[in-house]
């Protein structure tokens, strides 16, 4: 398959918009909207439960729902707002849906995901689509295999609808990267303000769910890549405990921190998707105990779950508007019955440096190991090969930012390096036992809360990402503990999220807390696809216009 024709085996792929700079475009032909009138079914803002109820009542079928999502992707992802959140549609999505409709007609319903279309981030392998990680170097990475997490979704009755765009290589190529951009998919736009970031690296999954291109989607996280795009696209995202979800056949960064995670517009939808993703995998030693944690995490969600519950409150520095949103969220937690106790994070000034050292070493080792399993059509077999590929295709691959992190990773000394081993032990200890666990003990609590991130910044191809507020992701990411973010409304017209953080395997506690807060606050706002946020009259100043001489 020719690299720049990008995957002619796809039944439907996303195309090149005509209104963006060349480097922000992608290389694939446009999506065709299905001709069937059933594609006009209105699935906007429908939850997994809504869709399931409609199928149970016979007013919708999985095929009708799937066609409706494909039509909506064609309508607003490469036309209209031009979100560029979806890279490719599965060529057999309709066939999957029909088969599941037939099973339902025969009385077999596999569970709450039966017939529900799910989008999957394009660093996760599916048997019917190439897995590119957003890079042209992997345009021919057609492995014909499902990642175990995708197998679990299919077994649960989900329709694998397609692949979402992402920050290329999950945002590990450059220190000056622009989140949401990949050479394959272009730049993902934020549905709330199209000139703002969708964060990353699960940018497409976040924007697609916010825009009702699917009810739920799968993202991946190493540090922030589920919770940041969830927060900045006004949806719910869960970064699970490391070892609950298999990482096999997912393009890696770090075996210490990588995990797939569910994303949706409600806590219930995320809990349903998460329940189907968990499972032990002999090829991923970290998941040895995962099967013991399999359960229906949505079954016992209760709006009363926070009554009498102590919560440790973090108060990082933040803007006045974010502070107002956070104070309101804390009031909602109290209204839901929680008892709030302020906590102070331990001072670990070397944590970021240690984490970065771990990521550099594991990136080289893990990515080389993954590339060795790809088909012979993939000519880049090592990180060194990838660096050379990017240099040879710099116009397409590096129009905005370079690959200095790749170079740093290529210079590392491997997993047996004593400095790496010491950094890994220190960072995990500082983040977990001497970080989150200390704060929980300080508050006598099982949950910590914090603003997830600041507000979405302007997408900037010159200066890259401009993180402009707090970040709650690093401690749970490095420790391997779970992290849930739930919308807490809009600040200056842009989404912000509330983080719920706990110790290992506390997903049920966090989901219950997030659900109780969600039901109390009703804070999520539906996106309006504005070109930009209103800066207010003050931006014009008060001076009179200058008269022409």
Protein backbone atom coordinates (compact mmCIF):
# COMPACT_ATOMS: atom_id res chain seq x y z
CA UNK A 1 0.00 0.00 0.00
CA UNK A 2 1.34 3.42 -0.92
CA UNK A 3 2.05 5.46 2.18
CA UNK A 4 0.53 8.76 1.05
CA UNK A 5 -2.56 7.18 -0.47
CA UNK A 6 -3.10 5.94 3.07
CA UNK A 7 -4.85 2.67 3.29
CA UNK A 8 -6.98 1.92 0.24
CA UNK A 9 -8.48 -1.06 2.08
CA UNK A 10 -10.53 1.35 4.22
CA UNK A 11 -14.19 1.48 3.33
CA UNK A 12 -14.41 5.02 4.66
CA UNK A 13 -11.57 7.30 5.68
CA UNK A 14 -11.26 10.90 6.66
CA UNK A 15 -10.13 13.44 4.12
CA UNK A 16 -8.11 16.61 3.63
CA UNK A 17 -9.89 19.83 4.62
CA UNK A 18 -9.34 22.73 2.24
CA UNK A 19 -9.13 25.56 4.75
CA UNK A 20 -6.02 24.74 6.76
CA UNK A 21 -2.27 25.07 6.22
CA UNK A 22 -0.63 22.20 4.36
CA UNK A 23 1.08 20.67 7.37
CA UNK A 24 -2.15 20.54 9.35
CA UNK A 25 -3.86 18.49 6.66
CA UNK A 26 -3.99 14.73 6.54
CA UNK A 27 -3.50 12.48 3.55
CA UNK A 28 -6.65 10.39 3.29
CA UNK A 29 -9.72 10.68 0.99
CA UNK A 30 -12.98 12.06 2.40
CA UNK A 31 -15.68 10.19 4.28
CA UNK A 32 -18.81 9.56 2.25
CA UNK A 33 -22.07 10.05 4.12
CA UNK A 34 -24.27 6.93 3.97
CA UNK A 35 -27.13 7.29 1.49
CA UNK A 36 -29.59 5.37 3.66
CA UNK A 37 -32.18 7.78 5.16
CA UNK A 38 -31.87 5.98 8.49
CA UNK A 39 -28.54 7.82 8.80
CA UNK A 40 -30.56 10.91 9.71
CA UNK A 41 -31.38 9.40 13.11
CA UNK A 42 -30.56 11.98 15.79
CA UNK A 43 -28.02 10.44 18.14
CA UNK A 44 -26.65 13.74 19.48
CA UNK A 45 -26.01 13.57 23.24
CA UNK A 46 -27.56 10.09 23.50
CA UNK A 47 -25.94 8.04 26.26
CA UNK A 48 -25.11 4.35 26.15
CA UNK A 49 -28.24 3.77 28.23
CA UNK A 50 -30.39 5.84 25.86
CA UNK A 51 -29.12 3.93 22.84
CA UNK A 52 -29.56 0.58 24.56
CA UNK A 53 -33.11 1.45 25.61
CA UNK A 54 -33.98 2.46 22.05
CA UNK A 55 -32.67 -0.84 20.71
CA UNK A 56 -34.54 -2.78 23.38
CA UNK A 57 -37.74 -0.91 22.46
CA UNK A 58 -37.18 -1.57 18.77
CA UNK A 59 -37.15 2.12 17.82
CA UNK A 60 -33.50 1.95 16.77
CA UNK A 61 -31.14 -0.76 15.60
CA UNK A 62 -27.40 -0.97 15.97
CA UNK A 63 -27.15 -0.55 12.22
CA UNK A 64 -29.21 2.64 12.30
CA UNK A 65 -27.11 4.02 15.16
CA UNK A 66 -23.86 3.13 13.41
CA UNK A 67 -24.98 4.74 10.16
CA UNK A 68 -26.06 7.84 12.07
CA UNK A 69 -22.61 8.20 13.67
CA UNK A 70 -20.88 7.74 10.30
CA UNK A 71 -23.13 10.40 8.81
CA UNK A 72 -22.39 12.79 11.67
CA UNK A 73 -18.65 12.19 11.29
CA UNK A 74 -18.95 13.04 7.59
CA UNK A 75 -21.01 16.13 8.42
CA UNK A 76 -18.93 17.81 11.13
CA UNK A 77 -15.56 16.12 11.37
CA UNK A 78 -14.34 17.01 7.86
CA UNK A 79 -17.03 19.54 7.02
CA UNK A 80 -18.71 22.21 9.13
CA UNK A 81 -16.59 22.68 12.28
CA UNK A 82 -13.89 20.44 10.75
CA UNK A 83 -12.92 18.76 14.01
CA UNK A 84 -10.54 16.17 12.45
CA UNK A 85 -11.08 13.91 15.45
CA UNK A 86 -11.57 10.65 13.50
CA UNK A 87 -8.84 9.19 11.29
CA UNK A 88 -10.70 6.21 9.83
CA UNK A 89 -14.01 4.37 9.87
CA UNK A 90 -13.94 0.59 10.20
CA UNK A 91 -14.71 -0.98 6.82
CA UNK A 92 -16.99 -3.55 8.43
CA UNK A 93 -18.72 -1.30 10.98
CA UNK A 94 -22.12 -1.78 9.34
CA UNK A 95 -21.60 -5.54 9.08
CA UNK A 96 -20.67 -5.68 12.78
CA UNK A 97 -23.85 -3.81 13.66
CA UNK A 98 -26.05 -6.04 11.51
CA UNK A 99 -24.64 -9.16 13.15
CA UNK A 100 -25.34 -7.76 16.61
CA UNK A 101 -28.88 -6.84 15.53
CA UNK A 102 -29.37 -10.43 14.42
CA UNK A 103 -28.16 -11.69 17.77
CA UNK A 104 -30.60 -9.37 19.55
CA UNK A 105 -33.44 -10.61 17.35
CA UNK A 106 -32.59 -14.17 18.42
CA UNK A 107 -32.71 -13.17 22.10
CA UNK A 108 -29.00 -12.85 22.75
CA UNK A 109 -27.88 -9.56 24.30
CA UNK A 110 -24.31 -9.64 25.54
CA UNK A 111 -24.63 -6.71 27.93
CA UNK A 112 -24.96 -2.94 28.09
CA UNK A 113 -22.52 -2.41 25.20
CA UNK A 114 -24.37 -4.72 22.82
CA UNK A 115 -24.67 -2.86 19.51
CA UNK A 116 -23.04 0.33 20.83
CA UNK A 117 -20.46 1.91 18.46
CA UNK A 118 -17.11 2.67 20.13
CA UNK A 119 -14.22 4.72 18.72
CA UNK A 120 -10.66 3.61 19.49
CA UNK A 121 -7.51 5.74 19.58
CA UNK A 122 -5.22 5.08 16.64
CA UNK A 123 -2.37 3.71 18.70
CA UNK A 124 -4.48 0.67 19.62
CA UNK A 125 -4.52 -2.18 17.12
CA UNK A 126 -7.77 -3.35 15.51
CA UNK A 127 -7.83 -6.19 13.01
CA UNK A 128 -9.62 -4.19 10.33
CA UNK A 129 -7.60 -0.95 10.22
CA UNK A 130 -3.94 0.07 10.23
CA UNK A 131 -2.55 1.44 13.49
CA UNK A 132 -0.55 4.57 12.75
CA UNK A 133 -0.05 6.41 16.07
CA UNK A 134 -0.62 9.41 13.79
CA UNK A 135 2.70 8.87 11.97
CA UNK A 136 3.24 8.26 8.27
CA UNK A 137 5.97 5.84 9.31
CA UNK A 138 3.21 3.44 10.41
CA UNK A 139 0.81 4.09 7.53
CA UNK A 140 1.26 0.46 6.43
CA UNK A 141 1.01 -1.00 9.95
CA UNK A 142 -1.85 -3.37 9.13
CA UNK A 143 -1.36 -6.18 11.65
CA UNK A 144 -4.75 -7.92 11.21
CA UNK A 145 -4.91 -8.39 14.97
CA UNK A 146 -6.98 -6.90 17.77
CA UNK A 147 -5.39 -5.62 20.93
CA UNK A 148 -6.80 -7.65 23.86
CA UNK A 149 -8.69 -4.57 25.06
CA UNK A 150 -10.46 -4.44 21.67
CA UNK A 151 -11.20 -8.17 21.88
CA UNK A 152 -12.88 -7.53 25.23
CA UNK A 153 -15.02 -4.80 23.66
CA UNK A 154 -16.05 -7.01 20.77
CA UNK A 155 -16.88 -9.82 23.19
CA UNK A 156 -19.08 -7.36 25.11
CA UNK A 157 -21.01 -6.60 21.90
CA UNK A 158 -19.48 -3.25 21.00
CA UNK A 159 -19.23 -2.14 17.37
CA UNK A 160 -15.67 -0.98 16.69
CA UNK A 161 -16.64 2.12 14.72
CA UNK A 162 -13.19 3.43 13.81
CA UNK A 163 -9.97 5.10 14.90
CA UNK A 164 -9.51 8.53 16.47
CA UNK A 165 -6.81 11.07 15.79
CA UNK A 166 -4.17 11.77 18.43
CA UNK A 167 -1.09 13.76 19.23
CA UNK A 168 1.44 11.95 17.05
CA UNK A 169 3.35 9.22 18.93
CA UNK A 170 1.14 10.06 21.92
CA UNK A 171 2.94 13.40 22.34
CA UNK A 172 6.37 11.95 23.14
CA UNK A 173 8.33 13.25 20.12
CA UNK A 174 9.09 16.87 21.02
CA UNK A 175 9.18 19.27 23.95
CA UNK A 176 7.62 21.89 21.64
CA UNK A 177 4.74 19.81 20.31
CA UNK A 178 1.24 21.03 19.46
CA UNK A 179 -1.23 18.68 21.15
CA UNK A 180 -3.77 17.08 18.86
CA UNK A 181 -1.66 17.28 15.69
CA UNK A 182 -0.53 14.27 13.69
CA UNK A 183 0.83 13.97 10.17
CA UNK A 184 -1.91 11.45 9.37
CA UNK A 185 -4.89 13.20 10.90
CA UNK A 186 -4.07 16.91 11.01
CA UNK A 187 -4.98 19.07 14.01
CA UNK A 188 -7.92 18.12 16.23
CA UNK A 189 -10.11 21.11 17.09
CA UNK A 190 -11.90 21.70 20.37
CA UNK A 191 -15.71 21.58 19.91
CA UNK A 192 -16.19 24.41 22.40
CA UNK A 193 -13.84 26.85 20.64
CA UNK A 194 -12.32 25.67 17.40
CA UNK A 195 -9.11 27.64 17.83
CA UNK A 196 -8.38 26.05 21.22
CA UNK A 197 -6.50 22.87 22.03
CA UNK A 198 -8.21 19.54 22.58
CA UNK A 199 -5.15 18.63 24.65
CA UNK A 200 -3.61 15.23 24.15
CA UNK A 201 -2.64 12.77 23.41
CA UNK A 202 -6.15 11.25 23.22
CA UNK A 203 -7.30 14.43 21.49
CA UNK A 204 -9.53 12.79 18.92
CA UNK A 205 -11.23 10.53 21.44
CA UNK A 206 -12.03 13.53 23.64
CA UNK A 207 -13.32 15.78 20.84
CA UNK A 208 -15.27 12.97 19.15
CA UNK A 209 -17.16 12.04 22.31
CA UNK A 210 -17.86 15.69 23.12
CA UNK A 211 -19.26 16.14 19.59
CA UNK A 212 -21.43 13.00 19.73
CA UNK A 213 -19.45 11.18 17.05
CA UNK A 214 -19.79 8.24 19.42
CA UNK A 215 -21.18 7.84 22.91
CA UNK A 216 -17.88 6.52 24.25
CA UNK A 217 -14.30 6.11 23.09
CA UNK A 218 -11.06 4.52 24.24
CA UNK A 219 -8.00 6.66 24.90
CA UNK A 220 -4.57 5.92 26.33
CA UNK A 221 -2.51 7.69 28.97
CA UNK A 222 1.09 7.81 30.08
CA UNK A 223 0.75 11.09 31.98
CA UNK A 224 -2.41 13.12 31.36
CA UNK A 225 -3.36 11.77 27.93
CA UNK A 226 -6.84 10.62 28.98
CA UNK A 227 -7.68 13.12 31.70
CA UNK A 228 -6.38 16.27 29.95
CA UNK A 229 -8.40 15.84 26.72
CA UNK A 230 -11.39 14.72 28.79
CA UNK A 231 -11.17 17.86 30.94
CA UNK A 232 -10.60 20.22 28.01
CA UNK A 233 -13.38 18.70 25.88
CA UNK A 234 -15.94 18.77 28.68
CA UNK A 235 -16.31 15.01 29.15
CA UNK A 236 -15.53 12.27 31.69
CA UNK A 237 -12.28 10.30 31.50
CA UNK A 238 -10.79 7.54 33.66
CA UNK A 239 -7.11 6.63 33.84
CA UNK A 240 -7.25 3.18 35.48
CA UNK A 241 -4.84 1.53 37.88
CA UNK A 242 -1.90 0.13 35.93
CA UNK A 243 -2.50 -3.58 35.35
CA UNK A 244 -6.28 -3.60 34.99
CA UNK A 245 -6.26 -3.14 31.19
CA UNK A 246 -3.90 -4.98 28.86
CA UNK A 247 -1.32 -2.94 26.92
CA UNK A 248 -0.53 -5.68 24.38
CA UNK A 249 -0.69 -4.46 20.75
CA UNK A 250 -0.85 -0.82 21.81
CA UNK A 251 1.93 1.43 20.50
CA UNK A 252 3.89 2.06 23.71
CA UNK A 253 5.75 4.77 25.53
CA UNK A 254 6.29 3.30 28.99
CA UNK A 255 5.44 -0.07 30.52
CA UNK A 256 5.59 1.64 33.92
CA UNK A 257 2.85 4.15 33.14
CA UNK A 258 0.93 3.28 29.95
CA UNK A 259 -2.71 2.27 30.12
CA UNK A 260 -5.83 2.51 28.00
CA UNK A 261 -8.77 4.31 29.58
CA UNK A 262 -12.48 4.91 28.90
CA UNK A 263 -13.91 8.30 27.87
CA UNK A 264 -17.58 9.34 27.73
CA UNK A 265 -20.01 12.15 28.37
CA UNK A 266 -21.16 10.72 31.71
CA UNK A 267 -19.71 8.76 34.60
CA UNK A 268 -22.18 5.95 33.94
CA UNK A 269 -21.06 5.57 30.33
CA UNK A 270 -17.41 5.54 31.39
CA UNK A 271 -18.15 2.92 34.06
CA UNK A 272 -19.91 0.72 31.49
CA UNK A 273 -17.01 0.93 29.03
CA UNK A 274 -14.42 0.42 31.76
CA UNK A 275 -16.18 -2.73 32.98
CA UNK A 276 -15.76 -4.27 29.52
CA UNK A 277 -12.08 -3.30 29.16
CA UNK A 278 -10.65 -5.07 32.22
CA UNK A 279 -8.97 -8.45 31.87
CA UNK A 280 -5.80 -10.44 32.52
CA UNK A 281 -3.46 -10.98 29.60
CA UNK A 282 -0.63 -13.56 29.70
CA UNK A 283 1.42 -11.28 27.42
CA UNK A 284 1.22 -8.37 29.89
CA UNK A 285 2.55 -9.46 33.29
CA UNK A 286 1.17 -6.37 35.01
CA UNK A 287 -2.38 -7.66 34.41
CA UNK A 288 -1.95 -10.95 36.27
CA UNK A 289 -4.59 -10.00 38.87
CA UNK A 290 -6.89 -8.04 36.57
CA UNK A 291 -9.56 -10.74 36.28
CA UNK A 292 -10.15 -10.55 40.04
CA UNK A 293 -11.21 -6.92 39.56
CA UNK A 294 -13.76 -7.60 36.81
CA UNK A 295 -17.26 -6.46 37.78
CA UNK A 296 -20.05 -4.14 36.69
CA UNK A 297 -18.73 -0.77 37.85
CA UNK A 298 -21.93 0.97 36.75
CA UNK A 299 -24.32 -1.23 38.70
CA UNK A 300 -24.10 0.43 42.10
CA UNK A 301 -23.52 4.07 41.22
CA UNK A 302 -25.50 6.20 43.66
CA UNK A 303 -26.18 9.93 44.00
CA UNK A 304 -25.84 9.39 47.76
CA UNK A 305 -22.35 7.92 47.52
CA UNK A 306 -20.67 10.99 49.04
CA UNK A 307 -22.75 11.25 52.20
CA UNK A 308 -20.34 11.41 55.12
CA UNK A 309 -17.30 10.75 52.90
CA UNK A 310 -14.09 12.63 53.75
CA UNK A 311 -12.30 14.15 50.78
CA UNK A 312 -8.81 15.64 50.74
CA UNK A 313 -8.81 18.96 48.90
CA UNK A 314 -5.80 20.19 46.94
CA UNK A 315 -5.63 23.94 46.25
CA UNK A 316 -3.02 24.61 43.56
CA UNK A 317 -2.37 28.04 42.11
CA UNK A 318 -4.92 28.87 39.44
CA UNK A 319 -6.63 31.70 37.62
CA UNK A 320 -9.49 33.61 39.23
CA UNK A 321 -12.08 32.06 36.91
CA UNK A 322 -10.84 28.52 37.50
CA UNK A 323 -10.81 29.22 41.23
CA UNK A 324 -14.45 30.27 41.01
CA UNK A 325 -15.39 27.07 39.18
CA UNK A 326 -13.45 24.97 41.68
CA UNK A 327 -15.00 26.69 44.68
CA UNK A 328 -18.43 26.02 43.20
CA UNK A 329 -17.53 22.36 42.66
CA UNK A 330 -16.39 22.06 46.27
CA UNK A 331 -19.72 23.51 47.40
CA UNK A 332 -21.49 20.90 45.29
CA UNK A 333 -19.46 18.15 46.97
CA UNK A 334 -20.53 19.47 50.36
CA UNK A 335 -24.13 19.63 49.17
CA UNK A 336 -23.80 15.97 48.16
CA UNK A 337 -22.78 15.14 51.73
CA UNK A 338 -18.99 15.16 51.59
CA UNK A 339 -16.70 16.37 54.36
CA UNK A 340 -13.80 18.41 52.94
CA UNK A 341 -10.32 18.50 54.49
CA UNK A 342 -7.53 20.61 53.00
CA UNK A 343 -4.29 18.76 52.27
CA UNK A 344 -0.82 19.94 51.30
CA UNK A 345 1.11 17.92 48.71
CA UNK A 346 4.55 16.65 49.75
CA UNK A 347 7.49 18.49 48.23
CA UNK A 348 9.22 16.21 45.72
CA UNK A 349 11.21 18.57 43.48
CA UNK A 350 12.98 15.74 41.61
CA UNK A 351 9.83 13.85 40.64
CA UNK A 352 9.41 15.36 37.18
CA UNK A 353 13.05 14.78 36.29
CA UNK A 354 12.93 11.17 37.48
CA UNK A 355 9.72 10.52 35.58
CA UNK A 356 11.19 11.94 32.38
CA UNK A 357 14.26 9.73 32.72
CA UNK A 358 12.02 6.67 33.09
CA UNK A 359 9.96 7.64 30.04
CA UNK A 360 13.05 8.18 27.88
CA UNK A 361 14.56 4.79 28.69
CA UNK A 362 11.31 2.88 28.39
CA UNK A 363 10.33 4.67 25.18
CA UNK A 364 13.36 3.31 23.37
CA UNK A 365 13.10 -0.20 24.82
CA UNK A 366 9.33 -0.57 24.51
CA UNK A 367 8.96 1.05 21.10
CA UNK A 368 11.78 -1.04 19.63
CA UNK A 369 10.09 -4.16 21.01
CA UNK A 370 6.73 -3.13 19.53
CA UNK A 371 8.12 -2.26 16.10
CA UNK A 372 9.74 -5.70 15.92
CA UNK A 373 6.22 -7.21 15.94
CA UNK A 374 4.87 -5.11 13.06
CA UNK A 375 4.48 -6.52 9.53
CA UNK A 376 7.29 -6.36 6.98
CA UNK A 377 5.48 -3.51 5.22
CA UNK A 378 6.59 -1.29 8.12
CA UNK A 379 10.18 -0.37 7.25
CA UNK A 380 10.91 1.51 10.48
CA UNK A 381 11.98 -1.27 12.85
CA UNK A 382 13.59 0.80 15.63
CA UNK A 383 13.44 4.26 17.19
CA UNK A 384 16.60 5.09 15.26
CA UNK A 385 14.77 4.18 12.05
CA UNK A 386 11.90 6.47 13.04
CA UNK A 387 14.27 9.38 13.57
CA UNK A 388 15.72 8.80 10.11
CA UNK A 389 12.23 8.51 8.57
CA UNK A 390 11.15 11.81 10.09
CA UNK A 391 14.26 13.54 8.82
CA UNK A 392 13.68 12.12 5.33
CA UNK A 393 10.03 13.24 5.38
CA UNK A 394 10.49 16.45 7.35
CA UNK A 395 8.06 18.52 5.29
CA UNK A 396 5.18 16.18 6.20
CA UNK A 397 6.33 14.97 9.61
CA UNK A 398 8.02 18.02 11.13
CA UNK A 399 6.36 21.15 9.75
CA UNK A 400 5.87 22.61 13.25
CA UNK A 401 8.08 20.83 15.77
CA UNK A 402 11.06 18.51 15.75
CA UNK A 403 11.94 15.25 17.53
CA UNK A 404 14.33 16.16 20.31
CA UNK A 405 12.71 13.70 22.76
CA UNK A 406 13.23 10.89 20.23
CA UNK A 407 16.91 11.85 20.06
CA UNK A 408 17.22 11.90 23.86
CA UNK A 409 15.54 8.48 24.11
CA UNK A 410 17.82 7.04 21.42
CA UNK A 411 20.83 8.00 23.55
CA UNK A 412 19.66 6.10 26.67
CA UNK A 413 21.47 3.02 27.98
CA UNK A 414 18.62 0.54 28.38
CA UNK A 415 16.53 -1.04 31.12
CA UNK A 416 19.56 -2.34 33.02
CA UNK A 417 20.97 1.17 33.50
CA UNK A 418 21.32 1.70 37.30
CA UNK A 419 20.36 5.36 36.97
CA UNK A 420 17.10 4.40 35.24
CA UNK A 421 16.31 1.77 37.85
CA UNK A 422 16.92 4.24 40.67
CA UNK A 423 14.79 6.91 38.99
CA UNK A 424 11.94 4.45 38.49
CA UNK A 425 11.98 3.31 42.12
CA UNK A 426 12.23 6.88 43.44
CA UNK A 427 9.51 8.32 41.23
CA UNK A 428 6.99 5.58 41.95
CA UNK A 429 7.65 5.84 45.68
CA UNK A 430 7.40 9.64 45.72
CA UNK A 431 4.17 9.64 43.71
CA UNK A 432 2.44 6.77 45.49
CA UNK A 433 3.41 5.79 49.06
CA UNK A 434 5.07 9.16 49.74
CA UNK A 435 2.63 11.19 47.66
CA UNK A 436 -1.01 10.24 47.19
CA UNK A 437 -1.04 7.80 50.12
CA UNK A 438 0.45 10.40 52.48
CA UNK A 439 -2.17 12.98 51.51
CA UNK A 440 -5.01 10.49 51.92
CA UNK A 441 -3.73 9.61 55.38
CA UNK A 442 -3.32 13.29 56.23
CA UNK A 443 -7.01 13.86 55.44
CA UNK A 444 -8.25 10.55 56.80
CA UNK A 445 -9.82 10.13 53.36
CA UNK A 446 -10.07 7.72 50.46
CA UNK A 447 -10.33 10.43 47.79
CA UNK A 448 -8.42 13.54 46.76
CA UNK A 449 -9.88 16.27 44.55
CA UNK A 450 -8.21 18.96 42.45
CA UNK A 451 -8.82 20.89 39.26
CA UNK A 452 -7.70 18.52 36.52
CA UNK A 453 -5.92 21.11 34.36
CA UNK A 454 -6.27 24.74 33.47
CA UNK A 455 -8.40 25.93 30.56
CA UNK A 456 -7.72 25.04 26.91
CA UNK A 457 -5.07 27.27 25.38
CA UNK A 458 -4.89 28.47 21.78
CA UNK A 459 -3.51 25.87 19.37
CA UNK A 460 -0.19 27.33 18.30
CA UNK A 461 1.98 25.78 15.56
CA UNK A 462 4.83 28.22 16.32
CA UNK A 463 5.22 28.00 20.10
CA UNK A 464 3.48 24.69 20.75
CA UNK A 465 1.50 23.89 23.89
CA UNK A 466 1.13 26.64 26.48
CA UNK A 467 0.07 24.87 29.67
CA UNK A 468 -1.50 27.64 31.72
CA UNK A 469 -2.69 26.24 35.01
CA UNK A 470 -2.58 23.36 37.45
CA UNK A 471 -2.14 19.72 36.44
CA UNK A 472 -3.39 16.84 38.56
CA UNK A 473 -2.13 14.04 36.34
CA UNK A 474 1.46 13.34 37.35
CA UNK A 475 1.07 11.74 40.79
CA UNK A 476 -1.54 9.16 39.69
CA UNK A 477 0.29 8.60 36.40
CA UNK A 478 3.67 7.87 37.97
CA UNK A 479 2.27 5.87 40.90
CA UNK A 480 0.01 3.84 38.62
CA UNK A 481 -3.03 4.83 40.70
CA UNK A 482 -6.46 5.67 39.19
CA UNK A 483 -7.57 9.15 38.20
CA UNK A 484 -11.08 10.23 37.19
CA UNK A 485 -12.02 13.62 35.75
CA UNK A 486 -15.60 14.90 35.60
CA UNK A 487 -16.79 18.17 33.98
CA UNK A 488 -17.23 21.10 36.35
CA UNK A 489 -18.64 23.50 33.78
CA UNK A 490 -17.12 26.30 31.74
CA UNK A 491 -14.57 28.93 32.73
CA UNK A 492 -14.44 31.88 30.36
CA UNK A 493 -16.53 29.77 28.00
CA UNK A 494 -14.09 26.83 28.04
CA UNK A 495 -14.40 23.42 29.72
CA UNK A 496 -12.66 22.56 32.97
CA UNK A 497 -12.62 19.31 34.90
CA UNK A 498 -12.66 18.12 38.50
CA UNK A 499 -10.24 15.31 39.38
CA UNK A 500 -10.96 12.45 41.76
CA UNK A 501 -7.79 10.57 42.75
CA UNK A 502 -7.34 7.53 44.97
CA UNK A 503 -4.96 4.72 45.79
CA UNK A 504 -4.51 1.57 43.69
CA UNK A 505 -7.69 -0.25 42.60
CA UNK A 506 -10.01 2.40 44.02
CA UNK A 507 -11.91 2.83 40.72
CA UNK A 508 -15.28 1.91 42.28
CA UNK A 509 -14.83 4.58 44.96
CA UNK A 510 -13.80 7.24 42.44
CA UNK A 511 -16.60 6.43 39.99
CA UNK A 512 -19.17 6.59 42.78
CA UNK A 513 -17.81 9.91 44.00
CA UNK A 514 -17.70 11.29 40.47
CA UNK A 515 -21.25 10.12 39.82
CA UNK A 516 -22.58 11.72 43.00
CA UNK A 517 -20.86 15.00 42.11
CA UNK A 518 -22.11 14.81 38.51
CA UNK A 519 -25.71 14.28 39.63
CA UNK A 520 -25.48 17.10 42.16
CA UNK A 521 -23.79 19.63 39.88
CA UNK A 522 -25.17 18.88 36.40
CA UNK A 523 -22.15 20.93 35.33
CA UNK A 524 -21.50 19.60 31.82
CA UNK A 525 -22.37 22.02 29.01
CA UNK A 526 -23.06 20.88 25.43
CA UNK A 527 -20.51 22.27 22.91
CA UNK A 528 -21.57 24.92 20.39
CA UNK A 529 -18.59 24.76 17.95
CA UNK A 530 -17.77 28.46 18.29
CA UNK A 531 -14.86 29.71 16.16
CA UNK A 532 -13.35 31.25 19.29
CA UNK A 533 -14.40 32.35 22.77
CA UNK A 534 -15.74 35.85 23.26
CA UNK A 535 -12.90 37.91 24.70
CA UNK A 536 -15.28 40.62 25.96
CA UNK A 537 -15.52 44.31 25.23
CA UNK A 538 -12.47 45.12 27.34
CA UNK A 539 -10.12 43.81 24.70
CA UNK A 540 -10.90 46.89 22.58
CA UNK A 541 -9.79 49.34 25.26
CA UNK A 542 -11.35 52.74 25.89
CA UNK A 543 -9.32 55.02 23.61
CA UNK A 544 -11.06 56.83 20.77
CA UNK A 545 -10.17 55.80 17.21
CA UNK A 546 -7.14 57.54 15.78
CA UNK A 547 -8.08 60.08 13.14
CA UNK A 548 -6.34 59.84 9.80
CA UNK A 549 -3.90 62.73 9.23
